[in-house]
Amino acid sequence: IPCHRVIGRNGNLRGYAPGVDKKEILLKLEKAFNLVSYCSTD
């Protein structure tokens, strides 16, 4: 259940039970972390 794919509205990584550093590893693994920009629906 990919809670690691949820980030703060400003693009910052927010809490992750194993640690934000682990969230970053998973996002980099999935190549989502290095997106140039993110457009929220708000």
PDB file of all heavy atoms in Angstrom:
ATOM      1  N   ILE A   1       0.905  -1.155   0.000  1.00  0.00           N
ATOM      2  CA  ILE A   1       0.000   0.000   0.000  1.00  0.00           C
ATOM      3  C   ILE A   1       0.940   1.199   0.000  1.00  0.00           C
ATOM      4  O   ILE A   1       1.569   1.506   1.018  1.00  0.00           O
ATOM      5  CB  ILE A   1      -0.929   0.011   1.230  1.00  0.00           C
ATOM      6  CG1 ILE A   1      -1.816  -1.239   1.241  1.00  0.00           C
ATOM      7  CG2 ILE A   1      -1.782   1.278   1.220  1.00  0.00           C
ATOM      8  CD1 ILE A   1      -2.681  -1.376   2.472  1.00  0.00           C
ATOM      9  N   PRO A   2       1.097   1.853  -1.149  1.00  0.00           N
ATOM     10  CA  PRO A   2       2.220   2.778  -1.368  1.00  0.00           C
ATOM     11  C   PRO A   2       2.078   4.157  -0.726  1.00  0.00           C
ATOM     12  O   PRO A   2       2.016   5.180  -1.411  1.00  0.00           O
ATOM     13  CB  PRO A   2       2.270   2.870  -2.888  1.00  0.00           C
ATOM     14  CG  PRO A   2       0.843   2.700  -3.305  1.00  0.00           C
ATOM     15  CD  PRO A   2       0.273   1.700  -2.344  1.00  0.00           C
ATOM     16  N   CYS A   3       2.080   4.219   0.585  1.00  0.00           N
ATOM     17  CA  CYS A   3       2.009   5.507   1.276  1.00  0.00           C
ATOM     18  C   CYS A   3       3.266   6.342   1.014  1.00  0.00           C
ATOM     19  O   CYS A   3       3.237   7.561   1.170  1.00  0.00           O
ATOM     20  CB  CYS A   3       1.759   5.316   2.766  1.00  0.00           C
ATOM     21  SG  CYS A   3       2.977   4.304   3.608  1.00  0.00           S
ATOM     22  N   HIS A   4       4.343   5.701   0.570  1.00  0.00           N
ATOM     23  CA  HIS A   4       5.559   6.437   0.250  1.00  0.00           C
ATOM     24  C   HIS A   4       5.371   7.344  -0.970  1.00  0.00           C
ATOM     25  O   HIS A   4       6.155   8.261  -1.179  1.00  0.00           O
ATOM     26  CB  HIS A   4       6.734   5.473   0.020  1.00  0.00           C
ATOM     27  CG  HIS A   4       6.549   4.533  -1.119  1.00  0.00           C
ATOM     28  ND1 HIS A   4       5.808   3.356  -0.992  1.00  0.00           N
ATOM     29  CD2 HIS A   4       6.973   4.583  -2.406  1.00  0.00           C
ATOM     30  CE1 HIS A   4       5.813   2.730  -2.165  1.00  0.00           C
ATOM     31  NE2 HIS A   4       6.504   3.454  -3.028  1.00  0.00           N
ATOM     32  N   ARG A   5       4.311   7.134  -1.749  1.00  0.00           N
ATOM     33  CA  ARG A   5       4.045   7.944  -2.943  1.00  0.00           C
ATOM     34  C   ARG A   5       3.271   9.215  -2.628  1.00  0.00           C
ATOM     35  O   ARG A   5       2.874   9.930  -3.537  1.00  0.00           O
ATOM     36  CB  ARG A   5       3.279   7.110  -3.970  1.00  0.00           C
ATOM     37  CG  ARG A   5       4.086   5.945  -4.501  1.00  0.00           C
ATOM     38  CD  ARG A   5       3.313   5.120  -5.509  1.00  0.00           C
ATOM     39  NE  ARG A   5       4.071   3.925  -5.844  1.00  0.00           N
ATOM     40  CZ  ARG A   5       3.530   2.788  -6.251  1.00  0.00           C
ATOM     41  NH1 ARG A   5       2.219   2.694  -6.401  1.00  0.00           N
ATOM     42  NH2 ARG A   5       4.287   1.746  -6.515  1.00  0.00           N
ATOM     43  N   VAL A   6       3.059   9.506  -1.353  1.00  0.00           N
ATOM     44  CA  VAL A   6       2.327  10.705  -0.951  1.00  0.00           C
ATOM     45  C   VAL A   6       3.304  11.683  -0.321  1.00  0.00           C
ATOM     46  O   VAL A   6       4.068  11.328   0.581  1.00  0.00           O
ATOM     47  CB  VAL A   6       1.181  10.356   0.033  1.00  0.00           C
ATOM     48  CG1 VAL A   6       0.375  11.606   0.364  1.00  0.00           C
ATOM     49  CG2 VAL A   6       0.281   9.281  -0.565  1.00  0.00           C
ATOM     50  N   ILE A   7       3.275  12.926  -0.843  1.00  0.00           N
ATOM     51  CA  ILE A   7       4.209  13.959  -0.404  1.00  0.00           C
ATOM     52  C   ILE A   7       3.432  15.199   0.026  1.00  0.00           C
ATOM     53  O   ILE A   7       2.233  15.306  -0.198  1.00  0.00           O
ATOM     54  CB  ILE A   7       5.212  14.315  -1.524  1.00  0.00           C
ATOM     55  CG1 ILE A   7       4.487  14.897  -2.730  1.00  0.00           C
ATOM     56  CG2 ILE A   7       6.036  13.087  -1.920  1.00  0.00           C
ATOM     57  CD1 ILE A   7       5.409  15.488  -3.798  1.00  0.00           C
ATOM     58  N   GLY A   8       4.159  16.154   0.613  1.00  0.00           N
ATOM     59  CA  GLY A   8       3.549  17.415   1.005  1.00  0.00           C
ATOM     60  C   GLY A   8       3.201  18.256  -0.217  1.00  0.00           C
ATOM     61  O   GLY A   8       3.791  18.098  -1.290  1.00  0.00           O
ATOM     62  N   ARG A   9       2.261  19.177  -0.052  1.00  0.00           N
ATOM     63  CA  ARG A   9       1.794  19.998  -1.165  1.00  0.00           C
ATOM     64  C   ARG A   9       2.914  20.833  -1.786  1.00  0.00           C
ATOM     65  O   ARG A   9       2.914  21.101  -2.978  1.00  0.00           O
ATOM     66  CB  ARG A   9       0.654  20.898  -0.681  1.00  0.00           C
ATOM     67  CG  ARG A   9      -0.032  21.620  -1.809  1.00  0.00           C
ATOM     68  CD  ARG A   9      -1.295  22.260  -1.354  1.00  0.00           C
ATOM     69  NE  ARG A   9      -1.021  23.322  -0.393  1.00  0.00           N
ATOM     70  CZ  ARG A   9      -1.946  24.026   0.212  1.00  0.00           C
ATOM     71  NH1 ARG A   9      -3.204  23.770  -0.013  1.00  0.00           N
ATOM     72  NH2 ARG A   9      -1.621  24.970   1.055  1.00  0.00           N
ATOM     73  N   ASN A  10       3.897  21.222  -0.983  1.00  0.00           N
ATOM     74  CA  ASN A  10       5.008  22.013  -1.493  1.00  0.00           C
ATOM     75  C   ASN A  10       6.109  21.145  -2.106  1.00  0.00           C
ATOM     76  O   ASN A  10       7.168  21.640  -2.467  1.00  0.00           O
ATOM     77  CB  ASN A  10       5.581  22.896  -0.385  1.00  0.00           C
ATOM     78  CG  ASN A  10       6.145  22.092   0.763  1.00  0.00           C
ATOM     79  OD1 ASN A  10       6.134  20.861   0.756  1.00  0.00           O
ATOM     80  ND2 ASN A  10       6.642  22.783   1.774  1.00  0.00           N
ATOM     81  N   GLY A  11       5.871  19.839  -2.212  1.00  0.00           N
ATOM     82  CA  GLY A  11       6.851  18.927  -2.802  1.00  0.00           C
ATOM     83  C   GLY A  11       7.792  18.301  -1.798  1.00  0.00           C
ATOM     84  O   GLY A  11       8.602  17.454  -2.156  1.00  0.00           O
ATOM     85  N   ASN A  12       7.693  18.705  -0.536  1.00  0.00           N
ATOM     86  CA  ASN A  12       8.562  18.135   0.496  1.00  0.00           C
ATOM     87  C   ASN A  12       8.099  16.737   0.882  1.00  0.00           C
ATOM     88  O   ASN A  12       6.911  16.453   0.887  1.00  0.00           O
ATOM     89  CB  ASN A  12       8.568  19.008   1.754  1.00  0.00           C
ATOM     90  CG  ASN A  12       9.330  20.290   1.554  1.00  0.00           C
ATOM     91  OD1 ASN A  12      10.131  20.412   0.632  1.00  0.00           O
ATOM     92  ND2 ASN A  12       9.066  21.257   2.414  1.00  0.00           N
ATOM     93  N   LEU A  13       9.065  15.909   1.203  1.00  0.00           N
ATOM     94  CA  LEU A  13       8.741  14.599   1.740  1.00  0.00           C
ATOM     95  C   LEU A  13       8.280  14.791   3.168  1.00  0.00           C
ATOM     96  O   LEU A  13       8.871  15.548   3.927  1.00  0.00           O
ATOM     97  CB  LEU A  13       9.958  13.682   1.696  1.00  0.00           C
ATOM     98  CG  LEU A  13      10.567  13.423   0.320  1.00  0.00           C
ATOM     99  CD1 LEU A  13      11.717  12.434   0.440  1.00  0.00           C
ATOM    100  CD2 LEU A  13       9.536  12.929  -0.651  1.00  0.00           C
ATOM    101  N   ARG A  14       7.225  14.115   3.534  1.00  0.00           N
ATOM    102  CA  ARG A  14       6.701  14.181   4.886  1.00  0.00           C
ATOM    103  C   ARG A  14       6.885  12.820   5.526  1.00  0.00           C
ATOM    104  O   ARG A  14       7.319  11.873   4.898  1.00  0.00           O
ATOM    105  CB  ARG A  14       5.217  14.574   4.870  1.00  0.00           C
ATOM    106  CG  ARG A  14       4.957  15.936   4.284  1.00  0.00           C
ATOM    107  CD  ARG A  14       5.195  17.001   5.347  1.00  0.00           C
ATOM    108  NE  ARG A  14       4.817  18.307   4.809  1.00  0.00           N
ATOM    109  CZ  ARG A  14       5.606  19.364   4.887  1.00  0.00           C
ATOM    110  NH1 ARG A  14       6.779  19.275   5.462  1.00  0.00           N
ATOM    111  NH2 ARG A  14       5.219  20.509   4.396  1.00  0.00           N
ATOM    112  N   GLY A  15       6.506  12.674   6.761  1.00  0.00           N
ATOM    113  CA  GLY A  15       6.727  11.479   7.554  1.00  0.00           C
ATOM    114  C   GLY A  15       6.497  10.155   6.850  1.00  0.00           C
ATOM    115  O   GLY A  15       5.674  10.047   5.949  1.00  0.00           O
ATOM    116  N   TYR A  16       7.258   9.185   7.268  1.00  0.00           N
ATOM    117  CA  TYR A  16       7.153   7.811   6.781  1.00  0.00           C
ATOM    118  C   TYR A  16       7.624   6.929   7.921  1.00  0.00           C
ATOM    119  O   TYR A  16       8.699   7.170   8.481  1.00  0.00           O
ATOM    120  CB  TYR A  16       8.026   7.635   5.527  1.00  0.00           C
ATOM    121  CG  TYR A  16       7.885   6.298   4.845  1.00  0.00           C
ATOM    122  CD1 TYR A  16       6.653   5.878   4.347  1.00  0.00           C
ATOM    123  CD2 TYR A  16       8.974   5.464   4.686  1.00  0.00           C
ATOM    124  CE1 TYR A  16       6.517   4.651   3.707  1.00  0.00           C
ATOM    125  CE2 TYR A  16       8.847   4.237   4.042  1.00  0.00           C
ATOM    126  CZ  TYR A  16       7.622   3.840   3.559  1.00  0.00           C
ATOM    127  OH  TYR A  16       7.483   2.630   2.926  1.00  0.00           O
ATOM    128  N   ALA A  17       6.830   5.941   8.289  1.00  0.00           N
ATOM    129  CA  ALA A  17       7.122   5.133   9.482  1.00  0.00           C
ATOM    130  C   ALA A  17       8.573   4.638   9.543  1.00  0.00           C
ATOM    131  O   ALA A  17       9.216   4.754  10.579  1.00  0.00           O
ATOM    132  CB  ALA A  17       6.132   3.981   9.598  1.00  0.00           C
ATOM    133  N   PRO A  18       9.118   4.074   8.462  1.00  0.00           N
ATOM    134  CA  PRO A  18      10.520   3.624   8.535  1.00  0.00           C
ATOM    135  C   PRO A  18      11.528   4.770   8.502  1.00  0.00           C
ATOM    136  O   PRO A  18      12.702   4.557   8.735  1.00  0.00           O
ATOM    137  CB  PRO A  18      10.690   2.750   7.285  1.00  0.00           C
ATOM    138  CG  PRO A  18       9.311   2.419   6.834  1.00  0.00           C
ATOM    139  CD  PRO A  18       8.453   3.565   7.262  1.00  0.00           C
ATOM    140  N   GLY A  19      11.078   5.989   8.185  1.00  0.00           N
ATOM    141  CA  GLY A  19      11.953   7.155   8.100  1.00  0.00           C
ATOM    142  C   GLY A  19      11.865   7.802   6.729  1.00  0.00           C
ATOM    143  O   GLY A  19      11.731   7.117   5.716  1.00  0.00           O
ATOM    144  N   VAL A  20      11.945   9.138   6.713  1.00  0.00           N
ATOM    145  CA  VAL A  20      11.833   9.872   5.450  1.00  0.00           C
ATOM    146  C   VAL A  20      12.956   9.472   4.490  1.00  0.00           C
ATOM    147  O   VAL A  20      12.759   9.441   3.280  1.00  0.00           O
ATOM    148  CB  VAL A  20      11.822  11.397   5.710  1.00  0.00           C
ATOM    149  CG1 VAL A  20      11.872  12.180   4.415  1.00  0.00           C
ATOM    150  CG2 VAL A  20      10.576  11.780   6.499  1.00  0.00           C
ATOM    151  N   ASP A  21      14.133   9.126   5.017  1.00  0.00           N
ATOM    152  CA  ASP A  21      15.221   8.681   4.157  1.00  0.00           C
ATOM    153  C   ASP A  21      14.843   7.414   3.381  1.00  0.00           C
ATOM    154  O   ASP A  21      15.222   7.239   2.223  1.00  0.00           O
ATOM    155  CB  ASP A  21      16.508   8.468   4.954  1.00  0.00           C
ATOM    156  CG  ASP A  21      16.367   7.438   6.070  1.00  0.00           C
ATOM    157  OD1 ASP A  21      15.301   7.387   6.727  1.00  0.00           O
ATOM    158  OD2 ASP A  21      17.328   6.682   6.302  1.00  0.00           O
ATOM    159  N   LYS A  22      14.053   6.556   4.013  1.00  0.00           N
ATOM    160  CA  LYS A  22      13.590   5.327   3.349  1.00  0.00           C
ATOM    161  C   LYS A  22      12.552   5.655   2.272  1.00  0.00           C
ATOM    162  O   LYS A  22      12.518   5.049   1.215  1.00  0.00           O
ATOM    163  CB  LYS A  22      12.993   4.342   4.354  1.00  0.00           C
ATOM    164  CG  LYS A  22      13.854   4.058   5.565  1.00  0.00           C
ATOM    165  CD  LYS A  22      15.157   3.397   5.221  1.00  0.00           C
ATOM    166  CE  LYS A  22      15.834   2.806   6.412  1.00  0.00           C
ATOM    167  NZ  LYS A  22      16.872   3.549   7.031  1.00  0.00           N
ATOM    168  N   LYS A  23      11.713   6.637   2.551  1.00  0.00           N
ATOM    169  CA  LYS A  23      10.723   7.100   1.577  1.00  0.00           C
ATOM    170  C   LYS A  23      11.449   7.615   0.334  1.00  0.00           C
ATOM    171  O   LYS A  23      11.060   7.305  -0.793  1.00  0.00           O
ATOM    172  CB  LYS A  23       9.874   8.211   2.207  1.00  0.00           C
ATOM    173  CG  LYS A  23       8.753   8.732   1.349  1.00  0.00           C
ATOM    174  CD  LYS A  23       7.927   9.743   2.157  1.00  0.00           C
ATOM    175  CE  LYS A  23       6.583   9.987   1.536  1.00  0.00           C
ATOM    176  NZ  LYS A  23       5.664  10.703   2.416  1.00  0.00           N
ATOM    177  N   GLU A  24      12.495   8.382   0.552  1.00  0.00           N
ATOM    178  CA  GLU A  24      13.282   8.914  -0.558  1.00  0.00           C
ATOM    179  C   GLU A  24      13.881   7.781  -1.395  1.00  0.00           C
ATOM    180  O   GLU A  24      13.862   7.828  -2.622  1.00  0.00           O
ATOM    181  CB  GLU A  24      14.384   9.829  -0.028  1.00  0.00           C
ATOM    182  CG  GLU A  24      15.191  10.485  -1.132  1.00  0.00           C
ATOM    183  CD  GLU A  24      16.212  11.473  -0.589  1.00  0.00           C
ATOM    184  OE1 GLU A  24      16.263  11.718   0.630  1.00  0.00           O
ATOM    185  OE2 GLU A  24      16.976  12.004  -1.410  1.00  0.00           O
ATOM    186  N   ILE A  25      14.388   6.752  -0.738  1.00  0.00           N
ATOM    187  CA  ILE A  25      14.950   5.601  -1.462  1.00  0.00           C
ATOM    188  C   ILE A  25      13.888   4.961  -2.341  1.00  0.00           C
ATOM    189  O   ILE A  25      14.135   4.659  -3.510  1.00  0.00           O
ATOM    190  CB  ILE A  25      15.533   4.565  -0.470  1.00  0.00           C
ATOM    191  CG1 ILE A  25      16.788   5.122   0.197  1.00  0.00           C
ATOM    192  CG2 ILE A  25      15.836   3.234  -1.171  1.00  0.00           C
ATOM    193  CD1 ILE A  25      17.266   4.316   1.401  1.00  0.00           C
ATOM    194  N   LEU A  26      12.688   4.752  -1.794  1.00  0.00           N
ATOM    195  CA  LEU A  26      11.616   4.115  -2.573  1.00  0.00           C
ATOM    196  C   LEU A  26      11.184   4.988  -3.742  1.00  0.00           C
ATOM    197  O   LEU A  26      10.967   4.489  -4.852  1.00  0.00           O
ATOM    198  CB  LEU A  26      10.420   3.801  -1.667  1.00  0.00           C
ATOM    199  CG  LEU A  26      10.679   2.751  -0.591  1.00  0.00           C
ATOM    200  CD1 LEU A  26       9.502   2.661   0.363  1.00  0.00           C
ATOM    201  CD2 LEU A  26      10.979   1.397  -1.209  1.00  0.00           C
ATOM    202  N   LEU A  27      11.086   6.308  -3.521  1.00  0.00           N
ATOM    203  CA  LEU A  27      10.691   7.200  -4.613  1.00  0.00           C
ATOM    204  C   LEU A  27      11.765   7.254  -5.692  1.00  0.00           C
ATOM    205  O   LEU A  27      11.452   7.279  -6.884  1.00  0.00           O
ATOM    206  CB  LEU A  27      10.382   8.591  -4.077  1.00  0.00           C
ATOM    207  CG  LEU A  27       9.114   8.683  -3.228  1.00  0.00           C
ATOM    208  CD1 LEU A  27       8.948  10.081  -2.650  1.00  0.00           C
ATOM    209  CD2 LEU A  27       7.889   8.278  -4.021  1.00  0.00           C
ATOM    210  N   LYS A  28      13.015   7.259  -5.287  1.00  0.00           N
ATOM    211  CA  LYS A  28      14.096   7.225  -6.280  1.00  0.00           C
ATOM    212  C   LYS A  28      14.079   5.903  -7.033  1.00  0.00           C
ATOM    213  O   LYS A  28      14.297   5.878  -8.250  1.00  0.00           O
ATOM    214  CB  LYS A  28      15.454   7.453  -5.618  1.00  0.00           C
ATOM    215  CG  LYS A  28      15.689   8.892  -5.253  1.00  0.00           C
ATOM    216  CD  LYS A  28      17.065   9.089  -4.643  1.00  0.00           C
ATOM    217  CE  LYS A  28      17.308  10.555  -4.367  1.00  0.00           C
ATOM    218  NZ  LYS A  28      18.627  10.806  -3.750  1.00  0.00           N
ATOM    219  N   LEU A  29      13.807   4.825  -6.329  1.00  0.00           N
ATOM    220  CA  LEU A  29      13.698   3.523  -6.971  1.00  0.00           C
ATOM    221  C   LEU A  29      12.632   3.569  -8.058  1.00  0.00           C
ATOM    222  O   LEU A  29      12.819   3.049  -9.147  1.00  0.00           O
ATOM    223  CB  LEU A  29      13.347   2.459  -5.919  1.00  0.00           C
ATOM    224  CG  LEU A  29      13.166   1.041  -6.420  1.00  0.00           C
ATOM    225  CD1 LEU A  29      14.529   0.374  -6.573  1.00  0.00           C
ATOM    226  CD2 LEU A  29      12.305   0.251  -5.464  1.00  0.00           C
ATOM    227  N   GLU A  30      11.533   4.221  -7.759  1.00  0.00           N
ATOM    228  CA  GLU A  30      10.446   4.332  -8.714  1.00  0.00           C
ATOM    229  C   GLU A  30      10.606   5.532  -9.654  1.00  0.00           C
ATOM    230  O   GLU A  30       9.741   5.801 -10.482  1.00  0.00           O
ATOM    231  CB  GLU A  30       9.108   4.439  -7.976  1.00  0.00           C
ATOM    232  CG  GLU A  30       8.768   3.205  -7.186  1.00  0.00           C
ATOM    233  CD  GLU A  30       7.409   3.298  -6.511  1.00  0.00           C
ATOM    234  OE1 GLU A  30       6.609   4.189  -6.850  1.00  0.00           O
ATOM    235  OE2 GLU A  30       7.134   2.441  -5.649  1.00  0.00           O
ATOM    236  N   LYS A  31      11.679   6.256  -9.485  1.00  0.00           N
ATOM    237  CA  LYS A  31      11.998   7.414 -10.303  1.00  0.00           C
ATOM    238  C   LYS A  31      10.973   8.539 -10.203  1.00  0.00           C
ATOM    239  O   LYS A  31      10.851   9.368 -11.092  1.00  0.00           O
ATOM    240  CB  LYS A  31      12.211   7.012 -11.753  1.00  0.00           C
ATOM    241  CG  LYS A  31      13.275   5.948 -11.920  1.00  0.00           C
ATOM    242  CD  LYS A  31      14.021   6.088 -13.203  1.00  0.00           C
ATOM    243  CE  LYS A  31      15.027   5.026 -13.495  1.00  0.00           C
ATOM    244  NZ  LYS A  31      15.734   4.373 -12.494  1.00  0.00           N
ATOM    245  N   ALA A  32      10.229   8.581  -9.121  1.00  0.00           N
ATOM    246  CA  ALA A  32       9.240   9.636  -8.936  1.00  0.00           C
ATOM    247  C   ALA A  32       9.837  10.838  -8.203  1.00  0.00           C
ATOM    248  O   ALA A  32       9.366  11.944  -8.359  1.00  0.00           O
ATOM    249  CB  ALA A  32       8.042   9.109  -8.153  1.00  0.00           C
ATOM    250  N   PHE A  33      10.873  10.604  -7.428  1.00  0.00           N
ATOM    251  CA  PHE A  33      11.411  11.653  -6.575  1.00  0.00           C
ATOM    252  C   PHE A  33      12.049  12.773  -7.378  1.00  0.00           C
ATOM    253  O   PHE A  33      12.013  13.922  -6.986  1.00  0.00           O
ATOM    254  CB  PHE A  33      12.442  11.062  -5.606  1.00  0.00           C
ATOM    255  CG  PHE A  33      12.986  12.066  -4.645  1.00  0.00           C
ATOM    256  CD1 PHE A  33      12.223  12.534  -3.599  1.00  0.00           C
ATOM    257  CD2 PHE A  33      14.264  12.539  -4.791  1.00  0.00           C
ATOM    258  CE1 PHE A  33      12.718  13.465  -2.712  1.00  0.00           C
ATOM    259  CE2 PHE A  33      14.769  13.476  -3.902  1.00  0.00           C
ATOM    260  CZ  PHE A  33      13.995  13.926  -2.862  1.00  0.00           C
ATOM    261  N   ASN A  34      12.641  12.479  -8.518  1.00  0.00           N
ATOM    262  CA  ASN A  34      13.369  13.461  -9.279  1.00  0.00           C
ATOM    263  C   ASN A  34      12.522  14.212 -10.294  1.00  0.00           C
ATOM    264  O   ASN A  34      13.051  14.766 -11.246  1.00  0.00           O
ATOM    265  CB  ASN A  34      14.567  12.810  -9.977  1.00  0.00           C
ATOM    266  CG  ASN A  34      15.605  12.349  -8.957  1.00  0.00           C
ATOM    267  OD1 ASN A  34      15.844  13.014  -7.971  1.00  0.00           O
ATOM    268  ND2 ASN A  34      16.194  11.201  -9.207  1.00  0.00           N
ATOM    269  N   LEU A  35      11.213  14.257 -10.112  1.00  0.00           N
ATOM    270  CA  LEU A  35      10.360  15.018 -11.005  1.00  0.00           C
ATOM    271  C   LEU A  35      10.724  16.490 -10.905  1.00  0.00           C
ATOM    272  O   LEU A  35      10.966  17.013  -9.834  1.00  0.00           O
ATOM    273  CB  LEU A  35       8.887  14.814 -10.642  1.00  0.00           C
ATOM    274  CG  LEU A  35       8.361  13.391 -10.822  1.00  0.00           C
ATOM    275  CD1 LEU A  35       6.915  13.316 -10.332  1.00  0.00           C
ATOM    276  CD2 LEU A  35       8.431  12.979 -12.279  1.00  0.00           C
ATOM    277  N   VAL A  36      10.763  17.167 -12.036  1.00  0.00           N
ATOM    278  CA  VAL A  36      11.125  18.578 -12.059  1.00  0.00           C
ATOM    279  C   VAL A  36      10.086  19.409 -11.319  1.00  0.00           C
ATOM    280  O   VAL A  36      10.406  20.298 -10.539  1.00  0.00           O
ATOM    281  CB  VAL A  36      11.291  19.066 -13.510  1.00  0.00           C
ATOM    282  CG1 VAL A  36      11.563  20.554 -13.548  1.00  0.00           C
ATOM    283  CG2 VAL A  36      12.396  18.302 -14.188  1.00  0.00           C
ATOM    284  N   SER A  37       8.823  19.115 -11.565  1.00  0.00           N
ATOM    285  CA  SER A  37       7.774  19.844 -10.862  1.00  0.00           C
ATOM    286  C   SER A  37       6.602  18.920 -10.630  1.00  0.00           C
ATOM    287  O   SER A  37       6.474  17.898 -11.282  1.00  0.00           O
ATOM    288  CB  SER A  37       7.324  21.057 -11.688  1.00  0.00           C
ATOM    289  OG  SER A  37       6.717  20.615 -12.884  1.00  0.00           O
ATOM    290  N   TYR A  38       5.774  19.344  -9.709  1.00  0.00           N
ATOM    291  CA  TYR A  38       4.584  18.552  -9.407  1.00  0.00           C
ATOM    292  C   TYR A  38       3.408  19.496  -9.377  1.00  0.00           C
ATOM    293  O   TYR A  38       3.459  20.526  -8.728  1.00  0.00           O
ATOM    294  CB  TYR A  38       4.711  17.822  -8.063  1.00  0.00           C
ATOM    295  CG  TYR A  38       3.443  17.114  -7.716  1.00  0.00           C
ATOM    296  CD1 TYR A  38       3.110  15.941  -8.352  1.00  0.00           C
ATOM    297  CD2 TYR A  38       2.531  17.665  -6.837  1.00  0.00           C
ATOM    298  CE1 TYR A  38       1.929  15.293  -8.100  1.00  0.00           C
ATOM    299  CE2 TYR A  38       1.340  17.037  -6.576  1.00  0.00           C
ATOM    300  CZ  TYR A  38       1.041  15.855  -7.206  1.00  0.00           C
ATOM    301  OH  TYR A  38      -0.146  15.230  -6.965  1.00  0.00           O
ATOM    302  N   CYS A  39       2.358  19.140 -10.081  1.00  0.00           N
ATOM    303  CA  CYS A  39       1.161  19.982 -10.099  1.00  0.00           C
ATOM    304  C   CYS A  39       0.094  19.316  -9.264  1.00  0.00           C
ATOM    305  O   CYS A  39      -0.395  18.239  -9.610  1.00  0.00           O
ATOM    306  CB  CYS A  39       0.663  20.154 -11.531  1.00  0.00           C
ATOM    307  SG  CYS A  39       1.837  21.028 -12.565  1.00  0.00           S
ATOM    308  N   SER A  40      -0.275  19.962  -8.192  1.00  0.00           N
ATOM    309  CA  SER A  40      -1.340  19.459  -7.339  1.00  0.00           C
ATOM    310  C   SER A  40      -2.683  19.814  -7.944  1.00  0.00           C
ATOM    311  O   SER A  40      -2.777  20.684  -8.808  1.00  0.00           O
ATOM    312  CB  SER A  40      -1.211  20.096  -5.946  1.00  0.00           C
ATOM    313  OG  SER A  40      -2.270  19.698  -5.129  1.00  0.00           O
ATOM    314  N   THR A  41      -3.735  19.148  -7.489  1.00  0.00           N
ATOM    315  CA  THR A  41      -5.065  19.436  -7.998  1.00  0.00           C
ATOM    316  C   THR A  41      -5.686  20.643  -7.302  1.00  0.00           C
ATOM    317  O   THR A  41      -6.814  20.979  -7.586  1.00  0.00           O
ATOM    318  CB  THR A  41      -5.993  18.217  -7.807  1.00  0.00           C
ATOM    319  OG1 THR A  41      -6.016  17.875  -6.425  1.00  0.00           O
ATOM    320  CG2 THR A  41      -5.535  17.061  -8.648  1.00  0.00           C
ATOM    321  N   ASP A  42      -4.949  21.286  -6.369  1.00  0.00           N
ATOM    322  CA  ASP A  42      -5.572  22.430  -5.674  1.00  0.00           C
ATOM    323  C   ASP A  42      -5.323  23.731  -6.387  1.00  0.00           C
ATOM    324  O   ASP A  42      -4.635  23.896  -7.288  1.00  0.00           O
ATOM    325  CB  ASP A  42      -5.095  22.526  -4.224  1.00  0.00           C
ATOM    326  CG  ASP A  42      -3.590  22.702  -4.086  1.00  0.00           C
ATOM    327  OD1 ASP A  42      -2.870  22.555  -5.072  1.00  0.00           O
ATOM    328  OD2 ASP A  42      -3.149  22.993  -2.952  1.00  0.00           O
TER     329      ASP A  42
END
